[in-house]
Amino acid sequence: MREVLDRLRSGGATRDITASIVVFLVAMPLCMGIAIASGVPPEKGLLTGIIGGVVVGLLAGSPLQVSGPAAGLAVIVFELVRDQGLSALGPILTLAGVIQFIAGMLKLGGWFRAISPAVVHGMLAGIGVLIVVGQFHILFDAKPLASGVDNLAAMPGRLLGLNIGSISSVELAFAIGLLTIGAMLAWEKFRPAALRLVPGALVGVAIGTLVAVIGGLEVTRVVVPSNIFSAVVVPDGGFVGRLLDPSIYATALAIAFIASAETLLSAAAVDKMHDGVRTDYDKELRAQGIGNLLCGAAGALPMTGVIVRSSANVQAGATSRLSTILHGTWILGFVALLPWLLREIPMAALGGILVVTGWRLVSLSHVTHLFHRYGPLPALIWVATLVTVVAEDLLTGVLVGLGLSMLELLPHLRKLGLGVREAHTDQASHLALHGSATFVTLPKLSRTLDSVPADKPLTLDLGSLSKIDHTSAELLNDWLQRRRAGGMTIALAGGAERLRGLSR
């Protein structure tokens, strides 16, 4: 809070205010679209965006990360609401928030970074596939089916059922969806440099909405209340009773785990984009816990740190948490003063935005990166996680990925410890690692690297390492790039096979 007040008093808030408007424009269609993809009313996503901006923005351990409803949790929320009803979401999310806060108090934030990138990105890719095949049906003003496999199987029938010469609501909705997708992609490819900060999602939704309004098209539109506060569901006796039901604990733990992993990996990615204050992972975890607890109490969607809005924040020139806080304030002001404008947006337009968002989660470049740098096992983990998420469910997919990750440890079960030897003088530093650098020892490796002075040359000796798994190699590579970008001279020593993936 003091940081925000200092920024306002010093007059240095201009860049943050500008960035907050950009993030607000990115967040509005995504908040509503992710809510619809989650099977809940769009105002639930807007509530989460407001809480994520104002509350988590004040408390966050990652100053430039933006929090809000995330596509990564849309699938698990959709299944939860479908199977247990919307009333179960609040208590489960409240418990998840408590779990996150306790994890932050116990300083477990660093352990979430130890999750294999292959598992996390495989999970996100699987979620992306489910979002695409689910939102595909929204393009036709239809509801998604019960499972990803069912949605996938029904896609050809939707296309074959189109009557190109007809002007029924189905064909009109599909045309609006395609127009939105086309406008979004075209803007991102051809937008003038002076308007580079105007988000493609906003342009796509705006054009789709204008065509629907001007043409008076009979398509399904977004439904939001005239008063955003009417969307807040105050906890009652049934809420407390659900909290005491042991059957919801596993779901709460799954949401807490997935939300924390996505948040902290997003925070690590945001740290690569700027040279400012680094993320305090435990503080960020506590802030997310408070945010999700409040979202549960208000009957909103779960939140995570989200990379799309966070990267927009950094690229727009944000320098402090003030930008994140203000973006939540702009969302609140917009939905309070202009709800009638939101009710003009076609559902198919939001479906089109989510189809693009989901497709981008399926990052084939990541699996090829894993394969070329670290071999077939990480790529296999990515594929297995993706397939299981789509064919079964999110939690099963993550567990399969984590189980396969354990295979990397089998050849080194007798020697899983990581040893560190450091020597620092006024002129230079020397750091030697020996033993095994695996995800089991990643928190220690991370603390060791972060403690190395950045103001003098370093020799990093990896020659005595018997093992570097791909999780630790990714961490080392990111750290090397960040330190070298900051002007630090780092010399690598050790066998070429142990430097695989680090020196490229």
Protein backbone atom coordinates (compact mmCIF):
# COMPACT_ATOMS: atom_id res chain seq x y z
CA MET A 1 0.00 0.00 0.00
CA ARG A 2 2.83 2.38 0.87
CA GLU A 3 4.40 1.73 -2.54
CA VAL A 4 1.16 2.75 -4.27
CA LEU A 5 0.79 5.93 -2.21
CA ASP A 6 4.42 6.86 -2.87
CA ARG A 7 3.88 6.46 -6.62
CA LEU A 8 0.85 8.75 -6.50
CA ARG A 9 2.59 11.40 -4.37
CA SER A 10 5.72 11.42 -6.51
CA GLY A 11 3.80 12.02 -9.73
CA GLY A 12 5.44 8.96 -11.28
CA ALA A 13 2.16 7.16 -11.87
CA THR A 14 1.54 8.23 -15.48
CA ARG A 15 2.97 5.04 -17.04
CA ASP A 16 1.06 2.87 -14.56
CA ILE A 17 -2.22 4.64 -15.33
CA THR A 18 -1.69 4.18 -19.08
CA ALA A 19 -0.76 0.52 -18.61
CA SER A 20 -3.80 -0.09 -16.39
CA ILE A 21 -6.13 1.06 -19.18
CA VAL A 22 -4.48 -1.34 -21.63
CA VAL A 23 -4.79 -4.25 -19.17
CA PHE A 24 -8.42 -3.31 -18.49
CA LEU A 25 -9.21 -3.49 -22.22
CA VAL A 26 -7.52 -6.90 -22.45
CA ALA A 27 -9.21 -8.20 -19.29
CA MET A 28 -12.84 -7.28 -19.97
CA PRO A 29 -13.60 -9.75 -22.80
CA LEU A 30 -11.42 -12.45 -21.21
CA CYS A 31 -13.14 -12.20 -17.81
CA MET A 32 -16.55 -12.72 -19.42
CA GLY A 33 -15.38 -15.32 -21.92
CA ILE A 34 -13.65 -17.46 -19.31
CA ALA A 35 -16.76 -17.30 -17.11
CA ILE A 36 -18.89 -18.57 -19.99
CA ALA A 37 -16.33 -21.30 -20.73
CA SER A 38 -16.56 -22.26 -17.04
CA GLY A 39 -20.33 -22.70 -17.27
CA VAL A 40 -21.18 -19.72 -15.05
CA PRO A 41 -22.69 -16.27 -15.75
CA PRO A 42 -20.22 -13.68 -17.13
CA GLU A 43 -20.55 -11.40 -14.11
CA LYS A 44 -18.79 -14.08 -12.02
CA GLY A 45 -15.67 -13.58 -14.12
CA LEU A 46 -15.94 -9.80 -13.80
CA LEU A 47 -16.12 -10.12 -10.00
CA THR A 48 -12.95 -12.19 -10.01
CA GLY A 49 -11.23 -9.60 -12.21
CA ILE A 50 -12.17 -6.85 -9.75
CA ILE A 51 -10.95 -8.80 -6.70
CA GLY A 52 -7.81 -9.93 -8.51
CA GLY A 53 -6.99 -6.37 -9.48
CA VAL A 54 -7.83 -4.38 -6.37
CA VAL A 55 -7.23 -6.83 -3.50
CA VAL A 56 -4.50 -9.13 -4.84
CA GLY A 57 -2.85 -6.16 -6.53
CA LEU A 58 -2.39 -4.54 -3.12
CA LEU A 59 -0.96 -7.69 -1.51
CA ALA A 60 0.92 -9.35 -4.39
CA GLY A 61 4.48 -10.60 -4.19
CA SER A 62 4.85 -10.16 -7.96
CA PRO A 63 4.29 -6.41 -8.52
CA LEU A 64 3.68 -6.53 -12.28
CA GLN A 65 1.67 -9.75 -12.45
CA VAL A 66 -2.07 -9.37 -13.07
CA SER A 67 -4.52 -11.77 -11.43
CA GLY A 68 -7.98 -12.73 -12.60
CA PRO A 69 -10.06 -15.61 -13.96
CA ALA A 70 -7.83 -18.02 -15.89
CA ALA A 71 -8.51 -20.29 -18.84
CA GLY A 72 -6.40 -22.90 -17.03
CA LEU A 73 -9.15 -23.45 -14.45
CA ALA A 74 -12.15 -23.13 -16.77
CA VAL A 75 -12.38 -26.86 -17.43
CA ILE A 76 -12.25 -27.98 -13.80
CA VAL A 77 -14.84 -25.33 -12.81
CA PHE A 78 -17.11 -26.36 -15.69
CA GLU A 79 -17.04 -29.99 -14.53
CA LEU A 80 -17.51 -28.96 -10.90
CA VAL A 81 -20.56 -26.79 -11.63
CA ARG A 82 -22.00 -29.47 -13.95
CA ASP A 83 -21.64 -32.28 -11.40
CA GLN A 84 -22.19 -30.50 -8.06
CA GLY A 85 -23.97 -27.26 -8.93
CA LEU A 86 -22.93 -23.62 -8.71
CA SER A 87 -23.56 -23.57 -4.94
CA ALA A 88 -20.60 -25.92 -4.40
CA LEU A 89 -18.11 -23.57 -6.07
CA GLY A 90 -18.01 -20.98 -3.26
CA PRO A 91 -17.15 -23.36 -0.38
CA ILE A 92 -14.62 -25.28 -2.49
CA LEU A 93 -12.92 -22.08 -3.61
CA THR A 94 -12.85 -20.73 -0.05
CA LEU A 95 -11.07 -23.89 1.11
CA ALA A 96 -8.68 -23.65 -1.82
CA GLY A 97 -7.84 -20.08 -0.82
CA VAL A 98 -7.15 -21.16 2.76
CA ILE A 99 -4.87 -23.95 1.49
CA GLN A 100 -2.95 -21.47 -0.67
CA PHE A 101 -2.55 -19.02 2.20
CA ILE A 102 -1.28 -21.72 4.56
CA ALA A 103 1.14 -22.93 1.86
CA GLY A 104 2.48 -19.39 1.58
CA MET A 105 2.86 -19.12 5.36
CA LEU A 106 4.77 -22.41 5.35
CA LYS A 107 7.03 -21.00 2.60
CA LEU A 108 6.10 -23.67 0.07
CA GLY A 109 6.02 -21.24 -2.86
CA GLY A 110 9.40 -22.37 -4.18
CA TRP A 111 8.25 -26.00 -4.35
CA PHE A 112 5.60 -25.18 -6.93
CA ARG A 113 8.40 -24.11 -9.25
CA ALA A 114 9.75 -27.66 -8.95
CA ILE A 115 6.81 -29.02 -10.96
CA SER A 116 8.10 -30.21 -14.32
CA PRO A 117 7.52 -27.63 -17.08
CA ALA A 118 6.48 -30.58 -19.25
CA VAL A 119 3.61 -31.34 -16.85
CA VAL A 120 2.47 -27.72 -16.55
CA HIS A 121 2.58 -26.99 -20.26
CA GLY A 122 1.05 -30.37 -21.09
CA MET A 123 -1.77 -29.54 -18.67
CA LEU A 124 -2.27 -26.12 -20.26
CA ALA A 125 -2.22 -27.67 -23.73
CA GLY A 126 -4.88 -30.17 -22.69
CA ILE A 127 -6.97 -27.35 -21.24
CA GLY A 128 -6.50 -25.45 -24.50
CA VAL A 129 -7.84 -28.39 -26.52
CA LEU A 130 -10.87 -28.67 -24.21
CA ILE A 131 -11.57 -24.94 -24.48
CA VAL A 132 -11.36 -25.01 -28.28
CA VAL A 133 -13.67 -28.01 -28.70
CA GLY A 134 -16.09 -26.65 -26.08
CA GLN A 135 -16.22 -23.04 -27.31
CA PHE A 136 -16.56 -24.27 -30.89
CA HIS A 137 -20.19 -25.06 -30.04
CA ILE A 138 -20.70 -21.57 -28.57
CA LEU A 139 -19.94 -20.27 -32.08
CA PHE A 140 -23.22 -21.91 -33.12
CA ASP A 141 -25.19 -20.48 -30.15
CA ALA A 142 -25.23 -24.00 -28.69
CA LYS A 143 -24.10 -25.30 -25.30
CA PRO A 144 -20.95 -27.41 -24.91
CA LEU A 145 -21.51 -31.11 -24.25
CA ALA A 146 -20.59 -33.07 -21.14
CA SER A 147 -16.99 -33.99 -21.99
CA GLY A 148 -14.12 -33.02 -24.22
CA VAL A 149 -14.40 -36.25 -26.19
CA ASP A 150 -18.13 -35.66 -26.77
CA ASN A 151 -17.47 -32.07 -27.86
CA LEU A 152 -14.78 -33.25 -30.27
CA ALA A 153 -17.00 -35.96 -31.74
CA ALA A 154 -19.87 -33.49 -32.28
CA MET A 155 -17.79 -30.91 -34.15
CA PRO A 156 -18.20 -32.42 -37.67
CA GLY A 157 -21.96 -32.58 -37.17
CA ARG A 158 -22.10 -28.88 -36.33
CA LEU A 159 -20.26 -27.96 -39.52
CA LEU A 160 -22.23 -30.35 -41.71
CA GLY A 161 -25.47 -29.00 -40.27
CA LEU A 162 -24.79 -25.50 -41.58
CA ASN A 163 -26.94 -24.24 -44.42
CA ILE A 164 -24.81 -21.67 -46.24
CA GLY A 165 -27.80 -20.19 -48.03
CA SER A 166 -29.81 -19.83 -44.82
CA ILE A 167 -30.02 -16.79 -42.55
CA SER A 168 -31.13 -18.58 -39.39
CA SER A 169 -29.71 -17.64 -35.98
CA VAL A 170 -27.23 -20.55 -36.10
CA GLU A 171 -25.60 -19.40 -39.32
CA LEU A 172 -25.62 -15.77 -38.14
CA ALA A 173 -23.96 -16.68 -34.84
CA PHE A 174 -21.30 -18.72 -36.63
CA ALA A 175 -20.63 -15.80 -38.98
CA ILE A 176 -20.24 -13.43 -36.01
CA GLY A 177 -17.83 -15.87 -34.35
CA LEU A 178 -15.71 -16.21 -37.50
CA LEU A 179 -15.74 -12.44 -38.01
CA THR A 180 -14.53 -11.93 -34.43
CA ILE A 181 -11.70 -14.44 -34.85
CA GLY A 182 -10.70 -12.97 -38.21
CA ALA A 183 -10.74 -9.39 -36.93
CA MET A 184 -8.70 -10.33 -33.85
CA LEU A 185 -6.02 -12.16 -35.84
CA ALA A 186 -5.89 -9.54 -38.60
CA TRP A 187 -5.49 -6.71 -36.08
CA GLU A 188 -2.68 -8.49 -34.28
CA LYS A 189 -0.85 -9.05 -37.57
CA PHE A 190 -1.40 -5.72 -39.31
CA ARG A 191 -2.09 -3.13 -36.60
CA PRO A 192 -0.15 0.13 -36.97
CA ALA A 193 2.72 0.75 -34.58
CA ALA A 194 0.93 3.73 -33.03
CA LEU A 195 -1.91 1.42 -31.94
CA ARG A 196 0.18 -1.58 -30.91
CA LEU A 197 -1.20 -1.51 -27.35
CA VAL A 198 -4.83 -1.87 -28.47
CA PRO A 199 -5.58 -5.58 -27.81
CA GLY A 200 -6.78 -7.83 -30.59
CA ALA A 201 -9.43 -9.42 -28.36
CA LEU A 202 -11.05 -6.03 -27.81
CA VAL A 203 -11.03 -5.25 -31.56
CA GLY A 204 -12.54 -8.64 -32.37
CA VAL A 205 -15.36 -8.33 -29.83
CA ALA A 206 -16.03 -4.70 -30.81
CA ILE A 207 -16.37 -5.53 -34.52
CA GLY A 208 -18.51 -8.61 -33.86
CA THR A 209 -20.78 -6.56 -31.57
CA LEU A 210 -21.07 -3.62 -34.00
CA VAL A 211 -22.08 -5.89 -36.87
CA ALA A 212 -24.68 -7.63 -34.67
CA VAL A 213 -26.13 -4.32 -33.44
CA ILE A 214 -26.13 -2.46 -36.77
CA GLY A 215 -27.54 -5.49 -38.58
CA GLY A 216 -30.12 -6.17 -35.85
CA LEU A 217 -29.04 -9.81 -35.90
CA GLU A 218 -31.04 -12.35 -33.91
CA VAL A 219 -28.19 -14.01 -32.00
CA THR A 220 -27.77 -14.90 -28.34
CA ARG A 221 -26.19 -12.08 -26.36
CA VAL A 222 -24.39 -11.81 -23.03
CA VAL A 223 -26.64 -11.51 -19.99
CA VAL A 224 -25.30 -9.42 -17.10
CA PRO A 225 -27.22 -7.83 -14.20
CA SER A 226 -27.78 -4.07 -14.13
CA ASN A 227 -26.08 -4.03 -10.70
CA ILE A 228 -22.80 -5.96 -10.46
CA PHE A 229 -23.19 -6.26 -6.69
CA SER A 230 -26.29 -8.38 -7.18
CA ALA A 231 -23.90 -11.05 -8.49
CA VAL A 232 -22.34 -11.36 -5.04
CA VAL A 233 -23.69 -14.43 -3.24
CA VAL A 234 -23.50 -13.95 0.52
CA PRO A 235 -22.55 -17.15 2.39
CA ASP A 236 -25.44 -18.79 4.25
CA GLY A 237 -25.97 -21.86 6.41
CA GLY A 238 -25.66 -24.19 3.44
CA PHE A 239 -22.28 -22.61 2.63
CA VAL A 240 -20.95 -23.43 6.10
CA GLY A 241 -22.36 -26.95 5.88
CA ARG A 242 -20.51 -27.54 2.63
CA LEU A 243 -17.27 -26.39 4.23
CA LEU A 244 -17.61 -29.22 6.73
CA ASP A 245 -18.19 -31.83 4.01
CA PRO A 246 -14.99 -33.91 3.58
CA SER A 247 -15.98 -34.87 0.03
CA ILE A 248 -15.08 -31.40 -1.27
CA TYR A 249 -11.55 -31.36 0.16
CA ALA A 250 -9.95 -33.23 -2.75
CA THR A 251 -11.43 -30.80 -5.28
CA ALA A 252 -10.34 -27.81 -3.18
CA LEU A 253 -6.81 -29.23 -2.98
CA ALA A 254 -6.73 -29.79 -6.76
CA ILE A 255 -7.84 -26.20 -7.46
CA ALA A 256 -5.30 -24.83 -4.96
CA PHE A 257 -2.50 -26.90 -6.50
CA ILE A 258 -3.27 -26.04 -10.12
CA ALA A 259 -3.95 -22.35 -9.41
CA SER A 260 -0.71 -22.04 -7.42
CA ALA A 261 1.40 -23.78 -10.06
CA GLU A 262 -0.03 -21.65 -12.86
CA THR A 263 0.37 -18.45 -10.82
CA LEU A 264 3.96 -19.00 -9.81
CA LEU A 265 5.07 -20.17 -13.25
CA SER A 266 3.39 -17.08 -14.70
CA ALA A 267 5.22 -14.94 -12.13
CA ALA A 268 8.52 -16.49 -13.17
CA ALA A 269 7.72 -15.68 -16.81
CA VAL A 270 6.84 -12.08 -15.89
CA ASP A 271 10.17 -11.71 -14.07
CA LYS A 272 11.93 -12.45 -17.38
CA MET A 273 10.14 -9.52 -19.03
CA HIS A 274 11.38 -6.71 -16.79
CA ASP A 275 14.34 -5.62 -14.67
CA GLY A 276 12.38 -4.47 -11.63
CA VAL A 277 11.62 -6.14 -8.31
CA ARG A 278 11.71 -9.96 -8.43
CA THR A 279 8.79 -12.09 -7.27
CA ASP A 280 8.46 -13.09 -3.64
CA TYR A 281 6.81 -16.48 -4.29
CA ASP A 282 5.54 -17.07 -0.77
CA LYS A 283 4.03 -13.58 -0.54
CA GLU A 284 2.39 -14.07 -3.93
CA LEU A 285 0.97 -17.40 -2.77
CA ARG A 286 -0.50 -15.77 0.34
CA ALA A 287 -2.04 -12.97 -1.75
CA GLN A 288 -3.60 -15.51 -4.14
CA GLY A 289 -4.98 -17.40 -1.15
CA ILE A 290 -6.69 -14.28 0.20
CA GLY A 291 -8.01 -13.48 -3.27
CA ASN A 292 -9.49 -16.93 -3.81
CA LEU A 293 -10.94 -16.96 -0.32
CA LEU A 294 -12.75 -13.70 -1.11
CA CYS A 295 -13.84 -15.02 -4.51
CA GLY A 296 -15.28 -18.08 -2.77
CA ALA A 297 -17.11 -15.94 -0.23
CA ALA A 298 -18.52 -13.73 -3.02
CA GLY A 299 -19.51 -16.64 -5.27
CA ALA A 300 -17.05 -15.66 -8.01
CA LEU A 301 -14.65 -17.69 -10.19
CA PRO A 302 -11.22 -18.87 -8.99
CA MET A 303 -8.26 -16.72 -9.91
CA THR A 304 -4.63 -17.17 -10.81
CA GLY A 305 -1.86 -14.95 -12.04
CA VAL A 306 -2.45 -14.76 -15.80
CA ILE A 307 0.31 -14.39 -18.35
CA VAL A 308 -1.69 -12.70 -21.15
CA ARG A 309 -2.78 -9.77 -18.99
CA SER A 310 0.57 -9.67 -17.16
CA SER A 311 2.58 -9.48 -20.38
CA ALA A 312 0.27 -6.71 -21.63
CA ASN A 313 0.94 -4.89 -18.37
CA VAL A 314 4.72 -5.09 -18.79
CA GLN A 315 4.65 -4.22 -22.49
CA ALA A 316 2.47 -1.18 -21.77
CA GLY A 317 5.20 0.19 -19.48
CA ALA A 318 3.88 -0.56 -15.99
CA THR A 319 6.42 0.01 -13.22
CA SER A 320 4.52 -0.86 -10.03
CA ARG A 321 1.49 -2.64 -8.63
CA LEU A 322 -0.57 0.55 -9.11
CA SER A 323 -1.36 -0.53 -12.68
CA THR A 324 -2.84 -3.85 -11.53
CA ILE A 325 -4.94 -2.15 -8.84
CA LEU A 326 -6.28 0.48 -11.24
CA HIS A 327 -7.22 -2.10 -13.89
CA GLY A 328 -9.51 -3.74 -11.32
CA THR A 329 -10.97 -0.33 -10.50
CA TRP A 330 -11.70 0.36 -14.18
CA ILE A 331 -13.52 -3.00 -14.49
CA LEU A 332 -15.65 -2.11 -11.47
CA GLY A 333 -16.47 1.34 -12.85
CA PHE A 334 -17.33 0.00 -16.31
CA VAL A 335 -19.69 -2.75 -15.18
CA ALA A 336 -21.31 -0.42 -12.64
CA LEU A 337 -21.95 2.41 -15.12
CA LEU A 338 -22.31 0.69 -18.53
CA PRO A 339 -23.88 -2.77 -18.05
CA TRP A 340 -26.22 -2.11 -21.01
CA LEU A 341 -23.19 -2.04 -23.33
CA LEU A 342 -22.06 -5.50 -22.17
CA ARG A 343 -25.53 -6.87 -22.93
CA GLU A 344 -25.03 -6.05 -26.62
CA ILE A 345 -22.08 -8.46 -26.98
CA PRO A 346 -22.94 -11.68 -28.88
CA MET A 347 -22.06 -14.90 -27.10
CA ALA A 348 -20.52 -16.15 -30.34
CA ALA A 349 -18.06 -13.23 -30.27
CA LEU A 350 -16.81 -14.23 -26.82
CA GLY A 351 -16.71 -17.85 -28.00
CA GLY A 352 -14.46 -16.78 -30.87
CA ILE A 353 -12.06 -15.04 -28.47
CA LEU A 354 -11.88 -18.17 -26.31
CA VAL A 355 -11.25 -20.42 -29.34
CA VAL A 356 -8.16 -18.33 -30.14
CA THR A 357 -7.12 -18.24 -26.48
CA GLY A 358 -7.47 -22.01 -26.15
CA TRP A 359 -5.56 -22.68 -29.36
CA ARG A 360 -2.66 -20.57 -28.10
CA LEU A 361 -2.45 -22.68 -24.95
CA VAL A 362 -1.61 -25.66 -27.18
CA SER A 363 1.98 -24.56 -27.71
CA LEU A 364 3.62 -27.09 -30.01
CA SER A 365 6.80 -25.00 -29.88
CA HIS A 366 7.16 -25.92 -26.23
CA VAL A 367 7.11 -29.68 -26.79
CA THR A 368 9.58 -29.37 -29.67
CA HIS A 369 11.80 -27.26 -27.41
CA LEU A 370 11.69 -29.96 -24.74
CA PHE A 371 12.47 -32.71 -27.25
CA HIS A 372 15.41 -30.98 -28.93
CA ARG A 373 17.04 -29.83 -25.70
CA TYR A 374 16.29 -32.61 -23.22
CA GLY A 375 15.34 -35.68 -25.21
CA PRO A 376 12.19 -37.78 -25.63
CA LEU A 377 11.13 -38.27 -21.97
CA PRO A 378 10.01 -34.65 -21.26
CA ALA A 379 8.21 -34.60 -24.62
CA LEU A 380 6.49 -37.88 -23.70
CA ILE A 381 5.42 -36.38 -20.36
CA TRP A 382 3.93 -33.39 -22.21
CA VAL A 383 1.99 -35.60 -24.64
CA ALA A 384 0.77 -38.00 -21.94
CA THR A 385 -0.44 -35.14 -19.74
CA LEU A 386 -2.28 -33.50 -22.65
CA VAL A 387 -3.98 -36.70 -23.81
CA THR A 388 -5.06 -37.71 -20.31
CA VAL A 389 -6.47 -34.24 -19.55
CA VAL A 390 -8.58 -34.40 -22.73
CA ALA A 391 -9.61 -38.07 -22.45
CA GLU A 392 -10.15 -38.24 -18.67
CA ASP A 393 -9.95 -35.12 -16.54
CA LEU A 394 -7.57 -32.39 -15.37
CA LEU A 395 -6.49 -33.92 -12.08
CA THR A 396 -5.83 -37.35 -13.60
CA GLY A 397 -3.75 -35.74 -16.34
CA VAL A 398 -1.61 -33.86 -13.82
CA LEU A 399 -1.10 -36.99 -11.72
CA VAL A 400 -0.06 -38.99 -14.80
CA GLY A 401 2.43 -36.28 -15.73
CA LEU A 402 3.86 -36.13 -12.22
CA GLY A 403 4.14 -39.92 -12.13
CA LEU A 404 6.06 -39.98 -15.39
CA SER A 405 8.32 -37.22 -14.09
CA MET A 406 9.44 -39.58 -11.35
CA LEU A 407 11.01 -41.78 -14.04
CA GLU A 408 13.78 -39.21 -14.35
CA LEU A 409 14.81 -40.00 -10.78
CA LEU A 410 15.08 -43.78 -11.12
CA PRO A 411 18.71 -43.95 -12.29
CA HIS A 412 19.77 -41.62 -9.45
CA LEU A 413 17.76 -42.85 -6.45
CA ARG A 414 20.92 -43.51 -4.44
CA LYS A 415 22.26 -40.03 -4.96
CA LEU A 416 19.54 -37.41 -5.07
CA GLY A 417 21.29 -34.76 -2.98
CA LEU A 418 22.66 -31.53 -4.42
CA GLY A 419 25.94 -30.20 -3.04
CA VAL A 420 27.11 -26.61 -3.31
CA ARG A 421 30.59 -25.10 -2.97
CA GLU A 422 30.90 -21.32 -3.08
CA ALA A 423 33.85 -18.99 -3.03
CA HIS A 424 33.54 -15.20 -3.21
CA THR A 425 36.27 -12.57 -3.39
CA ASP A 426 36.17 -8.86 -4.09
CA GLN A 427 36.95 -9.54 -7.75
CA ALA A 428 34.93 -12.65 -8.65
CA SER A 429 32.71 -15.51 -7.50
CA HIS A 430 32.98 -19.26 -8.02
CA LEU A 431 30.05 -21.65 -7.65
CA ALA A 432 30.45 -25.43 -8.04
CA LEU A 433 27.53 -27.87 -7.98
CA HIS A 434 27.86 -31.60 -7.40
CA GLY A 435 25.44 -34.50 -6.99
CA SER A 436 22.05 -34.44 -8.73
CA ALA A 437 20.15 -31.32 -9.79
CA THR A 438 16.57 -32.59 -10.08
CA PHE A 439 13.15 -31.16 -9.28
CA VAL A 440 13.57 -32.63 -5.77
CA THR A 441 16.43 -30.20 -5.08
CA LEU A 442 15.13 -27.30 -7.18
CA PRO A 443 14.19 -25.02 -4.24
CA LYS A 444 17.76 -25.31 -2.92
CA LEU A 445 19.18 -24.64 -6.38
CA SER A 446 16.93 -21.62 -6.80
CA ARG A 447 17.95 -20.13 -3.43
CA THR A 448 21.62 -20.72 -4.20
CA LEU A 449 21.48 -19.02 -7.58
CA ASP A 450 19.49 -16.04 -6.31
CA SER A 451 22.06 -15.45 -3.54
CA VAL A 452 24.98 -15.11 -6.00
CA PRO A 453 26.19 -11.46 -6.16
CA ALA A 454 25.30 -9.85 -9.49
CA ASP A 455 27.99 -7.17 -9.41
CA LYS A 456 31.05 -9.33 -10.22
CA PRO A 457 32.00 -12.13 -12.65
CA LEU A 458 31.01 -15.72 -11.85
CA THR A 459 32.43 -19.09 -12.81
CA LEU A 460 29.69 -21.72 -12.64
CA ASP A 461 31.16 -25.22 -12.50
CA LEU A 462 28.75 -28.06 -13.31
CA GLY A 463 31.42 -30.66 -14.04
CA SER A 464 30.73 -32.70 -10.88
CA LEU A 465 26.99 -32.99 -11.45
CA SER A 466 25.91 -36.55 -12.16
CA LYS A 467 22.44 -35.44 -13.32
CA ILE A 468 20.59 -32.31 -14.47
CA ASP A 469 16.94 -32.98 -15.22
CA HIS A 470 15.00 -30.74 -17.59
CA THR A 471 13.23 -28.88 -14.76
CA SER A 472 16.51 -27.77 -13.21
CA ALA A 473 18.02 -27.12 -16.63
CA GLU A 474 15.15 -24.78 -17.48
CA LEU A 475 15.66 -22.93 -14.19
CA LEU A 476 19.40 -22.62 -14.80
CA ASN A 477 18.87 -21.45 -18.36
CA ASP A 478 16.36 -18.78 -17.32
CA TRP A 479 18.67 -17.57 -14.54
CA LEU A 480 21.64 -17.39 -16.92
CA GLN A 481 19.68 -15.39 -19.48
CA ARG A 482 18.36 -12.96 -16.88
CA ARG A 483 21.74 -12.37 -15.21
CA ARG A 484 23.58 -12.00 -18.52
CA ALA A 485 20.91 -9.59 -19.78
CA GLY A 486 21.63 -7.53 -16.65
CA GLY A 487 25.30 -7.26 -17.63
CA MET A 488 26.76 -10.00 -15.43
CA THR A 489 29.69 -12.02 -16.81
CA ILE A 490 29.19 -15.77 -16.28
CA ALA A 491 31.58 -18.47 -17.45
CA LEU A 492 30.36 -22.08 -17.57
CA ALA A 493 32.69 -24.95 -16.71
CA GLY A 494 32.08 -28.71 -16.87
CA GLY A 495 31.47 -31.51 -19.33
CA ALA A 496 29.57 -30.63 -22.49
CA GLU A 497 26.92 -33.26 -21.82
CA ARG A 498 26.14 -31.65 -18.46
CA LEU A 499 25.76 -28.24 -20.07
CA ARG A 500 23.22 -29.56 -22.53
CA GLY A 501 20.49 -26.99 -22.98
CA LEU A 502 22.34 -24.32 -20.96
CA SER A 503 24.91 -22.94 -23.34
CA ARG A 504 22.65 -22.54 -26.38
